[in-house]
Amino acid sequence: MTTDLRPEQAPEVRSERTSGRETSLRGRLGSAFAMFRNRKSITGLTILGFFVLVAILADVLAPYSPTKVDNTARFQPPSAEHWLGTTHLGEDVLSQVIYGTRGIIVVGFLAAILATVIAIVVGVVAGYVRGWRSESLSALTNVFLVIPGLPLIIIVASMFDDPPLVVIAAVLGLTGWAWGARVLRAQTMSLRNRDFVQAARANGEPLRRIIGNEMLPNLMALIAASFVGTVTAAIIGLTTLSYIGVIPVNTYNWGTILNWASAQGAFRQNQWWWFMPPGLCIAAIGVALSLINFGIDEYVNPRLRSAGERARAMKKQGLDVNDPVTVVRTTTSHQENA
């Protein structure tokens, strides 16, 4: 015997189902981004966020234009007027470092976004489907794995008098997705036989829905790690190309600042205020990305996660984490019984 819902009850049922789906989605997103809740990830994200803000607010934060020449203040050490000194032309080093942050962030994130999207599409699809389609995508990934990225960027950059940062980011992204795709393919192949994926397939869910709703939330840690690694590789690639002179020196980033400093003998004359600030910035953003990656590894690897939780618990109890001797504390009742 079946009973129909009254009209006034139908909206309540629909709202309960909608709220249930929203709660489930919110819970999945929360668990997917739980990798960023440890101290290492938070510290790395804080440092990276600082550089992103500097890149966005470069016009406001920079005290001078990066190309403004002051003939009366050449090779000047740090002072109240020029906090990080000046170049051989009297240009303000702090302004150049601030404006150079924008190129680093733009290229790093654009290349990482492009590479991550391609890696997700190729890697997850290759891991889920079977037969010749999976083998074809795997062969394509292997081809891109052996393509040398740096020489290709040099060839592409030589075709432009002033290569745009978007072109450089596109080349870095197109040559940097293959490793992430292989990792995602391997993980997807282990997920496609799980019960929740088989249940979605038995219900007739389309491929895009299975990948979007069932696969991707379980792959977020690997996707985040691939994204962070691509950002690191793109920043290193940009600064390297700028330092060796492949990218025109009038395109300001930290690599071009080091190129100018090296060409004008700042290293030999120990004019540290010219080359040390961009070098420290490169090191700082590298540390930030490494901390984020370490935090993701600690979340993904159960052994690292349990070791970190154990170390934090020992610190709260006042125990030395590096002490090889295990301290056993007995309660008062046990001591009295003894």
C-alpha atoms as a PDB file:
ATOM      1  CA  MET A   1       0.000   0.000   0.000  1.00  0.00           C
ATOM      2  CA  THR A   2       1.450   3.319  -1.067  1.00  0.00           C
ATOM      3  CA  THR A   3       0.543   6.747   0.192  1.00  0.00           C
ATOM      4  CA  ASP A   4       1.142  10.006  -1.646  1.00  0.00           C
ATOM      5  CA  LEU A   5       2.686  12.962   0.068  1.00  0.00           C
ATOM      6  CA  ARG A   6       0.449  15.894   0.667  1.00  0.00           C
ATOM      7  CA  PRO A   7       1.356  18.993  -1.376  1.00  0.00           C
ATOM      8  CA  GLU A   8       2.377  20.889   1.733  1.00  0.00           C
ATOM      9  CA  GLN A   9       4.809  18.099   2.714  1.00  0.00           C
ATOM     10  CA  ALA A  10       6.614  17.931  -0.652  1.00  0.00           C
ATOM     11  CA  PRO A  11       8.636  21.164  -0.255  1.00  0.00           C
ATOM     12  CA  GLU A  12       9.805  20.002   3.182  1.00  0.00           C
ATOM     13  CA  VAL A  13      11.029  16.691   1.772  1.00  0.00           C
ATOM     14  CA  ARG A  14      12.777  18.430  -1.120  1.00  0.00           C
ATOM     15  CA  SER A  15      14.424  20.911   1.237  1.00  0.00           C
ATOM     16  CA  GLU A  16      15.634  18.074   3.498  1.00  0.00           C
ATOM     17  CA  ARG A  17      17.139  16.265   0.509  1.00  0.00           C
ATOM     18  CA  THR A  18      18.771  19.473  -0.733  1.00  0.00           C
ATOM     19  CA  SER A  19      20.220  20.274   2.671  1.00  0.00           C
ATOM     20  CA  GLY A  20      21.449  16.701   2.965  1.00  0.00           C
ATOM     21  CA  ARG A  21      23.285  16.981  -0.350  1.00  0.00           C
ATOM     22  CA  GLU A  22      24.733  20.356   0.647  1.00  0.00           C
ATOM     23  CA  THR A  23      25.911  18.956   3.983  1.00  0.00           C
ATOM     24  CA  SER A  24      27.482  15.965   2.244  1.00  0.00           C
ATOM     25  CA  LEU A  25      29.253  18.227  -0.279  1.00  0.00           C
ATOM     26  CA  ARG A  26      30.432  20.530   2.497  1.00  0.00           C
ATOM     27  CA  GLY A  27      31.748  17.550   4.433  1.00  0.00           C
ATOM     28  CA  ARG A  28      33.597  16.234   1.386  1.00  0.00           C
ATOM     29  CA  LEU A  29      35.169  19.609   0.680  1.00  0.00           C
ATOM     30  CA  GLY A  30      36.144  19.970   4.329  1.00  0.00           C
ATOM     31  CA  SER A  31      37.829  16.568   4.390  1.00  0.00           C
ATOM     32  CA  ALA A  32      39.456  17.236   1.018  1.00  0.00           C
ATOM     33  CA  PHE A  33      41.111  20.432   2.250  1.00  0.00           C
ATOM     34  CA  ALA A  34      41.987  19.057   5.696  1.00  0.00           C
ATOM     35  CA  MET A  35      45.569  18.714   4.428  1.00  0.00           C
ATOM     36  CA  PHE A  36      46.029  22.475   4.937  1.00  0.00           C
ATOM     37  CA  ARG A  37      45.122  22.456   8.637  1.00  0.00           C
ATOM     38  CA  ASN A  38      48.496  21.429  10.034  1.00  0.00           C
ATOM     39  CA  ARG A  39      51.155  23.895  11.127  1.00  0.00           C
ATOM     40  CA  LYS A  40      53.484  23.319   8.213  1.00  0.00           C
ATOM     41  CA  SER A  41      50.820  24.001   5.609  1.00  0.00           C
ATOM     42  CA  ILE A  42      49.490  27.037   7.481  1.00  0.00           C
ATOM     43  CA  THR A  43      52.988  28.525   7.777  1.00  0.00           C
ATOM     44  CA  GLY A  44      53.694  27.927   4.094  1.00  0.00           C
ATOM     45  CA  LEU A  45      50.354  29.363   3.022  1.00  0.00           C
ATOM     46  CA  THR A  46      50.969  32.439   5.181  1.00  0.00           C
ATOM     47  CA  ILE A  47      54.326  33.141   3.527  1.00  0.00           C
ATOM     48  CA  LEU A  48      52.915  32.465   0.066  1.00  0.00           C
ATOM     49  CA  GLY A  49      49.914  34.696   0.804  1.00  0.00           C
ATOM     50  CA  PHE A  50      52.284  37.517   1.759  1.00  0.00           C
ATOM     51  CA  PHE A  51      53.989  37.341  -1.648  1.00  0.00           C
ATOM     52  CA  VAL A  52      50.615  37.193  -3.408  1.00  0.00           C
ATOM     53  CA  LEU A  53      49.525  40.365  -1.609  1.00  0.00           C
ATOM     54  CA  VAL A  54      52.808  42.062  -2.536  1.00  0.00           C
ATOM     55  CA  ALA A  55      52.221  41.139  -6.177  1.00  0.00           C
ATOM     56  CA  ILE A  56      48.658  42.461  -6.126  1.00  0.00           C
ATOM     57  CA  LEU A  57      49.516  45.692  -4.293  1.00  0.00           C
ATOM     58  CA  ALA A  58      52.830  46.347  -6.062  1.00  0.00           C
ATOM     59  CA  ASP A  59      51.677  49.737  -7.364  1.00  0.00           C
ATOM     60  CA  VAL A  60      50.793  50.815  -3.829  1.00  0.00           C
ATOM     61  CA  LEU A  61      53.729  49.308  -1.931  1.00  0.00           C
ATOM     62  CA  ALA A  62      56.586  50.286  -4.252  1.00  0.00           C
ATOM     63  CA  PRO A  63      58.050  53.678  -3.224  1.00  0.00           C
ATOM     64  CA  TYR A  64      59.319  54.413  -6.770  1.00  0.00           C
ATOM     65  CA  SER A  65      58.866  53.220 -10.304  1.00  0.00           C
ATOM     66  CA  PRO A  66      61.245  50.308 -11.008  1.00  0.00           C
ATOM     67  CA  THR A  67      62.672  52.199 -14.000  1.00  0.00           C
ATOM     68  CA  LYS A  68      63.095  55.579 -12.304  1.00  0.00           C
ATOM     69  CA  VAL A  69      66.737  56.695 -12.619  1.00  0.00           C
ATOM     70  CA  ASP A  70      68.448  58.843  -9.990  1.00  0.00           C
ATOM     71  CA  ASN A  71      71.859  59.937 -11.302  1.00  0.00           C
ATOM     72  CA  THR A  72      72.823  61.264  -7.874  1.00  0.00           C
ATOM     73  CA  ALA A  73      72.333  57.944  -6.086  1.00  0.00           C
ATOM     74  CA  ARG A  74      74.190  55.260  -8.009  1.00  0.00           C
ATOM     75  CA  PHE A  75      75.410  52.127  -6.220  1.00  0.00           C
ATOM     76  CA  GLN A  76      74.105  53.523  -2.932  1.00  0.00           C
ATOM     77  CA  PRO A  77      73.803  51.152   0.043  1.00  0.00           C
ATOM     78  CA  PRO A  78      70.522  50.944   1.982  1.00  0.00           C
ATOM     79  CA  SER A  79      69.411  54.264   3.436  1.00  0.00           C
ATOM     80  CA  ALA A  80      66.282  56.017   4.672  1.00  0.00           C
ATOM     81  CA  GLU A  81      65.493  57.123   1.123  1.00  0.00           C
ATOM     82  CA  HIS A  82      66.249  53.770  -0.546  1.00  0.00           C
ATOM     83  CA  TRP A  83      65.631  50.953   1.931  1.00  0.00           C
ATOM     84  CA  LEU A  84      67.413  48.312  -0.189  1.00  0.00           C
ATOM     85  CA  GLY A  85      69.885  50.606  -1.905  1.00  0.00           C
ATOM     86  CA  THR A  86      70.158  51.433  -5.608  1.00  0.00           C
ATOM     87  CA  THR A  87      71.518  49.934  -8.823  1.00  0.00           C
ATOM     88  CA  HIS A  88      74.269  51.214 -11.112  1.00  0.00           C
ATOM     89  CA  LEU A  89      71.724  53.599 -12.676  1.00  0.00           C
ATOM     90  CA  GLY A  90      70.296  54.788  -9.383  1.00  0.00           C
ATOM     91  CA  GLU A  91      67.157  52.643  -9.619  1.00  0.00           C
ATOM     92  CA  ASP A  92      65.505  51.632  -6.363  1.00  0.00           C
ATOM     93  CA  VAL A  93      66.135  47.942  -5.627  1.00  0.00           C
ATOM     94  CA  LEU A  94      63.137  47.598  -3.295  1.00  0.00           C
ATOM     95  CA  SER A  95      60.774  48.806  -6.018  1.00  0.00           C
ATOM     96  CA  GLN A  96      62.276  46.350  -8.495  1.00  0.00           C
ATOM     97  CA  VAL A  97      61.903  43.466  -6.046  1.00  0.00           C
ATOM     98  CA  ILE A  98      58.276  44.397  -5.345  1.00  0.00           C
ATOM     99  CA  TYR A  99      57.376  44.673  -9.030  1.00  0.00           C
ATOM    100  CA  GLY A 100      59.361  41.517  -9.770  1.00  0.00           C
ATOM    101  CA  THR A 101      57.131  39.574  -7.389  1.00  0.00           C
ATOM    102  CA  ARG A 102      54.201  40.081  -9.773  1.00  0.00           C
ATOM    103  CA  GLY A 103      55.916  38.272 -12.649  1.00  0.00           C
ATOM    104  CA  ILE A 104      56.950  35.395 -10.394  1.00  0.00           C
ATOM    105  CA  ILE A 105      53.447  34.867  -8.995  1.00  0.00           C
ATOM    106  CA  VAL A 106      51.690  35.248 -12.359  1.00  0.00           C
ATOM    107  CA  VAL A 107      53.922  32.776 -14.192  1.00  0.00           C
ATOM    108  CA  GLY A 108      54.017  30.318 -11.296  1.00  0.00           C
ATOM    109  CA  PHE A 109      50.257  30.137 -10.819  1.00  0.00           C
ATOM    110  CA  LEU A 110      49.288  30.269 -14.503  1.00  0.00           C
ATOM    111  CA  ALA A 111      51.692  27.453 -15.347  1.00  0.00           C
ATOM    112  CA  ALA A 112      50.515  25.408 -12.347  1.00  0.00           C
ATOM    113  CA  ILE A 113      46.822  25.881 -13.169  1.00  0.00           C
ATOM    114  CA  LEU A 114      47.323  24.838 -16.798  1.00  0.00           C
ATOM    115  CA  ALA A 115      49.502  21.854 -15.897  1.00  0.00           C
ATOM    116  CA  THR A 116      47.132  20.698 -13.132  1.00  0.00           C
ATOM    117  CA  VAL A 117      44.053  20.862 -15.355  1.00  0.00           C
ATOM    118  CA  ILE A 118      45.756  18.821 -18.073  1.00  0.00           C
ATOM    119  CA  ALA A 119      47.102  16.352 -15.509  1.00  0.00           C
ATOM    120  CA  ILE A 120      43.631  15.851 -14.006  1.00  0.00           C
ATOM    121  CA  VAL A 121      41.929  15.339 -17.367  1.00  0.00           C
ATOM    122  CA  VAL A 122      44.560  13.011 -18.814  1.00  0.00           C
ATOM    123  CA  GLY A 123      45.548  11.194 -15.609  1.00  0.00           C
ATOM    124  CA  VAL A 124      42.110  10.537 -14.142  1.00  0.00           C
ATOM    125  CA  VAL A 125      40.508   9.571 -17.455  1.00  0.00           C
ATOM    126  CA  ALA A 126      43.446   7.293 -18.299  1.00  0.00           C
ATOM    127  CA  GLY A 127      43.151   5.648 -14.913  1.00  0.00           C
ATOM    128  CA  TYR A 128      39.382   5.135 -15.050  1.00  0.00           C
ATOM    129  CA  VAL A 129      38.833   3.944 -18.617  1.00  0.00           C
ATOM    130  CA  ARG A 130      40.287   0.707 -19.929  1.00  0.00           C
ATOM    131  CA  GLY A 131      41.666  -0.655 -23.165  1.00  0.00           C
ATOM    132  CA  TRP A 132      43.216   1.335 -25.977  1.00  0.00           C
ATOM    133  CA  ARG A 133      41.991   4.680 -24.633  1.00  0.00           C
ATOM    134  CA  SER A 134      43.886   4.227 -21.387  1.00  0.00           C
ATOM    135  CA  GLU A 135      46.999   3.019 -23.208  1.00  0.00           C
ATOM    136  CA  SER A 136      46.874   5.942 -25.657  1.00  0.00           C
ATOM    137  CA  LEU A 137      46.670   8.522 -22.880  1.00  0.00           C
ATOM    138  CA  SER A 138      49.446   6.749 -21.006  1.00  0.00           C
ATOM    139  CA  ALA A 139      51.654   6.823 -24.120  1.00  0.00           C
ATOM    140  CA  LEU A 140      50.941  10.543 -24.539  1.00  0.00           C
ATOM    141  CA  THR A 141      52.006  11.114 -20.936  1.00  0.00           C
ATOM    142  CA  ASN A 142      55.231   9.195 -21.487  1.00  0.00           C
ATOM    143  CA  VAL A 143      56.037  11.324 -24.527  1.00  0.00           C
ATOM    144  CA  PHE A 144      55.656  14.557 -22.562  1.00  0.00           C
ATOM    145  CA  LEU A 145      57.741  13.129 -19.732  1.00  0.00           C
ATOM    146  CA  VAL A 146      60.833  13.020 -21.944  1.00  0.00           C
ATOM    147  CA  ILE A 147      60.326  16.387 -23.661  1.00  0.00           C
ATOM    148  CA  PRO A 148      63.036  18.754 -22.366  1.00  0.00           C
ATOM    149  CA  GLY A 149      61.230  21.795 -21.040  1.00  0.00           C
ATOM    150  CA  LEU A 150      64.071  24.294 -20.758  1.00  0.00           C
ATOM    151  CA  PRO A 151      65.368  24.028 -24.348  1.00  0.00           C
ATOM    152  CA  LEU A 152      61.802  24.252 -25.638  1.00  0.00           C
ATOM    153  CA  ILE A 153      61.197  27.434 -23.669  1.00  0.00           C
ATOM    154  CA  ILE A 154      64.442  28.907 -25.031  1.00  0.00           C
ATOM    155  CA  ILE A 155      63.326  28.153 -28.597  1.00  0.00           C
ATOM    156  CA  VAL A 156      59.866  29.631 -28.050  1.00  0.00           C
ATOM    157  CA  ALA A 157      61.259  32.714 -26.284  1.00  0.00           C
ATOM    158  CA  SER A 158      63.684  33.343 -29.149  1.00  0.00           C
ATOM    159  CA  MET A 159      60.714  33.675 -31.505  1.00  0.00           C
ATOM    160  CA  PHE A 160      59.571  36.848 -29.685  1.00  0.00           C
ATOM    161  CA  ASP A 161      61.353  40.141 -29.228  1.00  0.00           C
ATOM    162  CA  ASP A 162      59.577  40.531 -25.899  1.00  0.00           C
ATOM    163  CA  PRO A 163      57.913  37.208 -24.955  1.00  0.00           C
ATOM    164  CA  PRO A 164      54.777  37.771 -22.830  1.00  0.00           C
ATOM    165  CA  LEU A 165      54.625  36.148 -19.430  1.00  0.00           C
ATOM    166  CA  VAL A 166      51.495  34.283 -20.546  1.00  0.00           C
ATOM    167  CA  VAL A 167      53.454  32.545 -23.307  1.00  0.00           C
ATOM    168  CA  ILE A 168      56.214  31.552 -20.880  1.00  0.00           C
ATOM    169  CA  ALA A 169      53.644  30.255 -18.397  1.00  0.00           C
ATOM    170  CA  ALA A 170      51.879  28.298 -21.160  1.00  0.00           C
ATOM    171  CA  VAL A 171      55.097  26.586 -22.252  1.00  0.00           C
ATOM    172  CA  LEU A 172      56.006  25.787 -18.626  1.00  0.00           C
ATOM    173  CA  GLY A 173      52.522  24.385 -18.038  1.00  0.00           C
ATOM    174  CA  LEU A 174      52.464  22.309 -21.231  1.00  0.00           C
ATOM    175  CA  THR A 175      55.794  20.712 -20.361  1.00  0.00           C
ATOM    176  CA  GLY A 176      55.082  20.208 -16.659  1.00  0.00           C
ATOM    177  CA  TRP A 177      51.875  18.186 -16.452  1.00  0.00           C
ATOM    178  CA  ALA A 178      53.087  14.677 -17.319  1.00  0.00           C
ATOM    179  CA  TRP A 179      54.474  13.629 -13.922  1.00  0.00           C
ATOM    180  CA  GLY A 180      51.295  14.680 -12.106  1.00  0.00           C
ATOM    181  CA  ALA A 181      49.194  12.822 -14.689  1.00  0.00           C
ATOM    182  CA  ARG A 182      51.096   9.581 -14.081  1.00  0.00           C
ATOM    183  CA  VAL A 183      50.617   9.836 -10.324  1.00  0.00           C
ATOM    184  CA  LEU A 184      46.896  10.566 -10.708  1.00  0.00           C
ATOM    185  CA  ARG A 185      46.488   7.699 -13.180  1.00  0.00           C
ATOM    186  CA  ALA A 186      48.032   5.223 -10.753  1.00  0.00           C
ATOM    187  CA  GLN A 187      45.848   6.410  -7.875  1.00  0.00           C
ATOM    188  CA  THR A 188      42.708   6.425 -10.017  1.00  0.00           C
ATOM    189  CA  MET A 189      43.346   2.827 -11.082  1.00  0.00           C
ATOM    190  CA  SER A 190      43.321   1.852  -7.399  1.00  0.00           C
ATOM    191  CA  LEU A 191      40.097   3.797  -6.791  1.00  0.00           C
ATOM    192  CA  ARG A 192      38.054   2.589  -9.758  1.00  0.00           C
ATOM    193  CA  ASN A 193      37.401  -0.800  -8.114  1.00  0.00           C
ATOM    194  CA  ARG A 194      36.274   0.626  -4.774  1.00  0.00           C
ATOM    195  CA  ASP A 195      32.702  -0.001  -3.637  1.00  0.00           C
ATOM    196  CA  PHE A 196      31.505   3.593  -3.903  1.00  0.00           C
ATOM    197  CA  VAL A 197      32.714   3.859  -7.512  1.00  0.00           C
ATOM    198  CA  GLN A 198      31.138   0.516  -8.423  1.00  0.00           C
ATOM    199  CA  ALA A 199      27.881   1.629  -6.824  1.00  0.00           C
ATOM    200  CA  ALA A 200      27.875   4.876  -8.821  1.00  0.00           C
ATOM    201  CA  ARG A 201      28.571   2.933 -11.997  1.00  0.00           C
ATOM    202  CA  ALA A 202      25.762   0.458 -11.208  1.00  0.00           C
ATOM    203  CA  ASN A 203      23.362   3.375 -10.749  1.00  0.00           C
ATOM    204  CA  GLY A 204      24.125   4.523 -14.272  1.00  0.00           C
ATOM    205  CA  GLU A 205      26.020   7.677 -13.327  1.00  0.00           C
ATOM    206  CA  PRO A 206      27.782   9.321 -16.283  1.00  0.00           C
ATOM    207  CA  LEU A 207      31.579   9.448 -16.470  1.00  0.00           C
ATOM    208  CA  ARG A 208      31.840  13.151 -15.641  1.00  0.00           C
ATOM    209  CA  ARG A 209      29.721  12.687 -12.523  1.00  0.00           C
ATOM    210  CA  ILE A 210      31.702   9.661 -11.317  1.00  0.00           C
ATOM    211  CA  ILE A 211      34.974  11.515 -11.776  1.00  0.00           C
ATOM    212  CA  GLY A 212      33.694  14.805 -10.350  1.00  0.00           C
ATOM    213  CA  ASN A 213      31.755  13.491  -7.356  1.00  0.00           C
ATOM    214  CA  GLU A 214      33.489  10.231  -6.497  1.00  0.00           C
ATOM    215  CA  MET A 215      37.065  10.421  -7.755  1.00  0.00           C
ATOM    216  CA  LEU A 216      38.256  14.013  -7.379  1.00  0.00           C
ATOM    217  CA  PRO A 217      37.440  14.447  -3.637  1.00  0.00           C
ATOM    218  CA  ASN A 218      39.640  11.422  -2.923  1.00  0.00           C
ATOM    219  CA  LEU A 219      42.422  12.781  -5.143  1.00  0.00           C
ATOM    220  CA  MET A 220      42.583  16.314  -3.730  1.00  0.00           C
ATOM    221  CA  ALA A 221      45.772  15.696  -1.733  1.00  0.00           C
ATOM    222  CA  LEU A 222      47.634  14.418  -4.795  1.00  0.00           C
ATOM    223  CA  ILE A 223      46.229  17.234  -6.941  1.00  0.00           C
ATOM    224  CA  ALA A 224      47.335  19.825  -4.382  1.00  0.00           C
ATOM    225  CA  ALA A 225      50.814  18.294  -4.178  1.00  0.00           C
ATOM    226  CA  SER A 226      51.080  18.292  -7.976  1.00  0.00           C
ATOM    227  CA  PHE A 227      49.962  21.927  -8.097  1.00  0.00           C
ATOM    228  CA  VAL A 228      52.509  23.018  -5.495  1.00  0.00           C
ATOM    229  CA  GLY A 229      55.287  21.124  -7.237  1.00  0.00           C
ATOM    230  CA  THR A 230      54.431  22.721 -10.572  1.00  0.00           C
ATOM    231  CA  VAL A 231      54.437  26.209  -9.018  1.00  0.00           C
ATOM    232  CA  THR A 232      57.906  25.524  -7.629  1.00  0.00           C
ATOM    233  CA  ALA A 233      59.209  24.232 -10.968  1.00  0.00           C
ATOM    234  CA  ALA A 234      57.691  27.180 -12.861  1.00  0.00           C
ATOM    235  CA  ILE A 235      59.244  29.754 -10.512  1.00  0.00           C
ATOM    236  CA  ILE A 236      62.650  28.078 -10.733  1.00  0.00           C
ATOM    237  CA  GLY A 237      62.329  27.876 -14.520  1.00  0.00           C
ATOM    238  CA  LEU A 238      61.385  31.554 -14.853  1.00  0.00           C
ATOM    239  CA  THR A 239      64.179  32.815 -12.622  1.00  0.00           C
ATOM    240  CA  THR A 240      66.700  30.574 -14.379  1.00  0.00           C
ATOM    241  CA  LEU A 241      65.663  31.774 -17.835  1.00  0.00           C
ATOM    242  CA  SER A 242      65.720  35.380 -16.679  1.00  0.00           C
ATOM    243  CA  TYR A 243      69.134  35.034 -15.061  1.00  0.00           C
ATOM    244  CA  ILE A 244      70.772  33.523 -18.151  1.00  0.00           C
ATOM    245  CA  GLY A 245      69.237  36.247 -20.323  1.00  0.00           C
ATOM    246  CA  VAL A 246      66.705  34.256 -22.349  1.00  0.00           C
ATOM    247  CA  ILE A 247      63.887  36.506 -21.147  1.00  0.00           C
ATOM    248  CA  PRO A 248      64.466  40.218 -21.889  1.00  0.00           C
ATOM    249  CA  VAL A 249      65.891  42.079 -18.909  1.00  0.00           C
ATOM    250  CA  ASN A 250      63.238  44.791 -19.152  1.00  0.00           C
ATOM    251  CA  THR A 251      60.676  42.229 -17.912  1.00  0.00           C
ATOM    252  CA  TYR A 252      61.074  42.639 -14.173  1.00  0.00           C
ATOM    253  CA  ASN A 253      61.242  39.596 -11.962  1.00  0.00           C
ATOM    254  CA  TRP A 254      63.756  38.347  -9.421  1.00  0.00           C
ATOM    255  CA  GLY A 255      65.785  36.556 -12.085  1.00  0.00           C
ATOM    256  CA  THR A 256      66.278  39.701 -14.190  1.00  0.00           C
ATOM    257  CA  ILE A 257      67.400  41.612 -11.081  1.00  0.00           C
ATOM    258  CA  LEU A 258      70.063  38.982 -10.485  1.00  0.00           C
ATOM    259  CA  ASN A 259      71.003  39.161 -14.166  1.00  0.00           C
ATOM    260  CA  TRP A 260      71.581  42.926 -13.969  1.00  0.00           C
ATOM    261  CA  ALA A 261      73.503  42.566 -10.710  1.00  0.00           C
ATOM    262  CA  SER A 262      75.777  39.914 -12.194  1.00  0.00           C
ATOM    263  CA  ALA A 263      76.365  41.887 -15.408  1.00  0.00           C
ATOM    264  CA  GLN A 264      77.344  45.038 -13.499  1.00  0.00           C
ATOM    265  CA  GLY A 265      79.750  43.266 -11.152  1.00  0.00           C
ATOM    266  CA  ALA A 266      77.659  43.502  -7.988  1.00  0.00           C
ATOM    267  CA  PHE A 267      78.859  40.039  -6.916  1.00  0.00           C
ATOM    268  CA  ARG A 268      82.514  40.934  -7.320  1.00  0.00           C
ATOM    269  CA  GLN A 269      82.180  44.326  -5.629  1.00  0.00           C
ATOM    270  CA  ASN A 270      80.142  42.840  -2.776  1.00  0.00           C
ATOM    271  CA  GLN A 271      77.156  45.118  -3.363  1.00  0.00           C
ATOM    272  CA  TRP A 272      74.979  42.740  -1.394  1.00  0.00           C
ATOM    273  CA  TRP A 273      71.923  44.996  -1.322  1.00  0.00           C
ATOM    274  CA  TRP A 274      71.436  44.422  -5.047  1.00  0.00           C
ATOM    275  CA  PHE A 275      71.553  40.621  -5.312  1.00  0.00           C
ATOM    276  CA  MET A 276      70.741  39.430  -1.779  1.00  0.00           C
ATOM    277  CA  PRO A 277      67.084  40.633  -1.537  1.00  0.00           C
ATOM    278  CA  PRO A 278      65.864  38.809  -4.686  1.00  0.00           C
ATOM    279  CA  GLY A 279      67.891  35.758  -3.676  1.00  0.00           C
ATOM    280  CA  LEU A 280      66.263  35.732  -0.234  1.00  0.00           C
ATOM    281  CA  CYS A 281      62.835  36.145  -1.826  1.00  0.00           C
ATOM    282  CA  ILE A 282      63.444  33.111  -4.044  1.00  0.00           C
ATOM    283  CA  ALA A 283      64.555  31.145  -0.995  1.00  0.00           C
ATOM    284  CA  ALA A 284      61.551  32.319   1.056  1.00  0.00           C
ATOM    285  CA  ILE A 285      58.960  31.345  -1.542  1.00  0.00           C
ATOM    286  CA  GLY A 286      60.773  28.026  -2.000  1.00  0.00           C
ATOM    287  CA  VAL A 287      60.543  27.401   1.754  1.00  0.00           C
ATOM    288  CA  ALA A 288      56.840  28.312   1.702  1.00  0.00           C
ATOM    289  CA  LEU A 289      56.057  25.869  -1.097  1.00  0.00           C
ATOM    290  CA  SER A 290      58.160  23.172   0.572  1.00  0.00           C
ATOM    291  CA  LEU A 291      56.289  23.611   3.861  1.00  0.00           C
ATOM    292  CA  ILE A 292      52.973  23.284   2.039  1.00  0.00           C
ATOM    293  CA  ASN A 293      54.224  20.121   0.356  1.00  0.00           C
ATOM    294  CA  PHE A 294      55.505  18.713   3.672  1.00  0.00           C
ATOM    295  CA  GLY A 295      52.104  19.417   5.219  1.00  0.00           C
ATOM    296  CA  ILE A 296      50.356  17.592   2.393  1.00  0.00           C
ATOM    297  CA  ASP A 297      52.751  14.635   2.739  1.00  0.00           C
ATOM    298  CA  GLU A 298      52.080  14.504   6.472  1.00  0.00           C
ATOM    299  CA  TYR A 299      48.347  14.386   5.775  1.00  0.00           C
ATOM    300  CA  VAL A 300      48.561  11.769   3.023  1.00  0.00           C
ATOM    301  CA  ASN A 301      51.098   9.464   4.697  1.00  0.00           C
ATOM    302  CA  PRO A 302      49.521   7.810   7.780  1.00  0.00           C
ATOM    303  CA  ARG A 303      52.938   7.112   9.325  1.00  0.00           C
ATOM    304  CA  LEU A 304      53.990  10.765   9.104  1.00  0.00           C
ATOM    305  CA  ARG A 305      50.594  11.890  10.398  1.00  0.00           C
ATOM    306  CA  SER A 306      50.693   9.543  13.403  1.00  0.00           C
ATOM    307  CA  ALA A 307      54.315  10.490  14.113  1.00  0.00           C
ATOM    308  CA  GLY A 308      53.433  14.169  14.070  1.00  0.00           C
ATOM    309  CA  GLU A 309      50.457  13.664  16.356  1.00  0.00           C
ATOM    310  CA  ARG A 310      52.607  11.597  18.738  1.00  0.00           C
ATOM    311  CA  ALA A 311      55.303  14.282  18.815  1.00  0.00           C
ATOM    312  CA  ARG A 312      52.763  17.006  19.571  1.00  0.00           C
ATOM    313  CA  ALA A 313      51.234  14.905  22.360  1.00  0.00           C
ATOM    314  CA  MET A 314      54.681  14.354  23.912  1.00  0.00           C
ATOM    315  CA  LYS A 315      55.439  18.079  23.788  1.00  0.00           C
ATOM    316  CA  LYS A 316      52.190  18.837  25.598  1.00  0.00           C
ATOM    317  CA  GLN A 317      53.232  16.409  28.355  1.00  0.00           C
ATOM    318  CA  GLY A 318      56.637  18.085  28.644  1.00  0.00           C
ATOM    319  CA  LEU A 319      58.559  15.130  27.197  1.00  0.00           C
ATOM    320  CA  ASP A 320      61.566  15.376  24.917  1.00  0.00           C
ATOM    321  CA  VAL A 321      60.677  14.143  21.442  1.00  0.00           C
ATOM    322  CA  ASN A 322      64.313  13.284  20.640  1.00  0.00           C
ATOM    323  CA  ASP A 323      64.900  11.394  23.874  1.00  0.00           C
ATOM    324  CA  PRO A 324      65.661   7.739  22.994  1.00  0.00           C
ATOM    325  CA  VAL A 325      64.568   6.598  26.461  1.00  0.00           C
ATOM    326  CA  THR A 326      60.839   6.164  26.978  1.00  0.00           C
ATOM    327  CA  VAL A 327      59.670   7.783  30.194  1.00  0.00           C
ATOM    328  CA  VAL A 328      57.028   5.801  32.066  1.00  0.00           C
ATOM    329  CA  ARG A 329      54.904   7.786  34.499  1.00  0.00           C
ATOM    330  CA  THR A 330      53.019   5.928  37.198  1.00  0.00           C
ATOM    331  CA  THR A 331      49.925   7.190  38.912  1.00  0.00           C
ATOM    332  CA  THR A 332      49.720   7.913  42.656  1.00  0.00           C
ATOM    333  CA  SER A 333      47.538   4.895  43.358  1.00  0.00           C
ATOM    334  CA  HIS A 334      50.027   2.575  41.709  1.00  0.00           C
ATOM    335  CA  GLN A 335      52.840   4.042  43.782  1.00  0.00           C
ATOM    336  CA  GLU A 336      50.888   3.555  47.003  1.00  0.00           C
ATOM    337  CA  ASN A 337      50.094  -0.067  46.094  1.00  0.00           C
ATOM    338  CA  ALA A 338      53.776  -0.647  45.419  1.00  0.00           C
END
